[in-house]
C-alpha atoms as a PDB file:
ATOM      1  CA  MET A   1    -131.947  94.617 198.012  1.00  0.00           C
ATOM      2  CA  LYS A   2    -130.307  95.874 201.194  1.00  0.00           C
ATOM      3  CA  LYS A   3    -129.938  92.320 202.500  1.00  0.00           C
ATOM      4  CA  ILE A   4    -127.821  91.294 199.511  1.00  0.00           C
ATOM      5  CA  GLY A   5    -125.812  94.510 199.542  1.00  0.00           C
ATOM      6  CA  ALA A   6    -127.125  95.866 196.254  1.00  0.00           C
ATOM      7  CA  LYS A   7    -128.373  99.333 195.472  1.00  0.00           C
ATOM      8  CA  GLU A   8    -132.148  99.712 195.298  1.00  0.00           C
ATOM      9  CA  ASN A   9    -132.191 100.682 191.614  1.00  0.00           C
ATOM     10  CA  SER A  10    -129.705  98.040 190.402  1.00  0.00           C
ATOM     11  CA  MET A  11    -130.817  95.361 187.946  1.00  0.00           C
ATOM     12  CA  ILE A  12    -131.197  91.728 188.932  1.00  0.00           C
ATOM     13  CA  GLU A  13    -130.295  89.315 186.154  1.00  0.00           C
ATOM     14  CA  HIS A  14    -130.581  85.576 186.533  1.00  0.00           C
ATOM     15  CA  LYS A  15    -132.318  82.904 184.453  1.00  0.00           C
ATOM     16  CA  MET A  16    -134.405  81.696 187.414  1.00  0.00           C
ATOM     17  CA  VAL A  17    -135.588  85.210 188.275  1.00  0.00           C
ATOM     18  CA  SER A  18    -136.440  85.987 184.653  1.00  0.00           C
ATOM     19  CA  ALA A  19    -138.323  82.702 184.258  1.00  0.00           C
ATOM     20  CA  SER A  20    -140.280  83.279 187.473  1.00  0.00           C
ATOM     21  CA  ILE A  21    -141.299  86.772 186.384  1.00  0.00           C
ATOM     22  CA  LYS A  22    -142.336  85.502 182.945  1.00  0.00           C
ATOM     23  CA  ASN A  23    -144.439  82.713 184.473  1.00  0.00           C
ATOM     24  CA  ALA A  24    -146.132  85.117 186.881  1.00  0.00           C
ATOM     25  CA  GLN A  25    -146.940  87.530 184.042  1.00  0.00           C
ATOM     26  CA  GLU A  26    -148.442  84.697 181.982  1.00  0.00           C
ATOM     27  CA  LYS A  27    -150.634  83.614 184.922  1.00  0.00           C
ATOM     28  CA  ILE A  28    -151.906  87.174 185.351  1.00  0.00           C
ATOM     29  CA  GLU A  29    -152.596  87.493 181.608  1.00  0.00           C
ATOM     30  CA  LYS A  30    -154.766  84.362 181.762  1.00  0.00           C
ATOM     31  CA  LYS A  31    -156.825  85.791 184.654  1.00  0.00           C
ATOM     32  CA  VAL A  32    -157.448  89.204 183.088  1.00  0.00           C
ATOM     33  CA  LEU A  33    -160.462  89.066 180.780  1.00  0.00           C
ATOM     34  CA  ILE A  34    -160.971  92.786 180.103  1.00  0.00           C
ATOM     35  CA  GLU A  35    -158.177  95.161 181.041  1.00  0.00           C
ATOM     36  CA  HIS A  36    -159.195  98.306 182.921  1.00  0.00           C
ATOM     37  CA  THR A  37    -156.820 101.260 183.141  1.00  0.00           C
ATOM     38  CA  ALA A  38    -155.532 102.434 186.508  1.00  0.00           C
ATOM     39  CA  GLN A  39    -153.373 105.110 188.090  1.00  0.00           C
ATOM     40  CA  SER A  40    -151.073 102.718 189.998  1.00  0.00           C
ATOM     41  CA  GLN A  41    -149.989  99.084 190.006  1.00  0.00           C
ATOM     42  CA  LYS A  42    -152.036  98.437 193.138  1.00  0.00           C
ATOM     43  CA  GLU A  43    -155.158  99.942 191.575  1.00  0.00           C
ATOM     44  CA  TRP A  44    -154.605  97.918 188.370  1.00  0.00           C
ATOM     45  CA  MET A  45    -154.384  94.688 190.364  1.00  0.00           C
ATOM     46  CA  GLU A  46    -157.557  95.541 192.275  1.00  0.00           C
ATOM     47  CA  ARG A  47    -159.500  96.387 189.100  1.00  0.00           C
ATOM     48  CA  ASN A  48    -158.272  93.581 186.874  1.00  0.00           C
ATOM     49  CA  LEU A  49    -157.765  90.497 189.029  1.00  0.00           C
ATOM     50  CA  PRO A  50    -160.631  88.645 190.680  1.00  0.00           C
ATOM     51  CA  ALA A  51    -160.588  88.536 194.462  1.00  0.00           C
END
């Protein structure tokens, strides 16, 4: 965010960014068979996605 001169908590809105995020979420959903709860995003990824 600093490189483009935007504040860290500002929103990014663009069709390409939104589409990329949606596609990534769909790929993750396909890989997760049984969802395990976690305390952080990192822990969730480690518990739910195969290595």
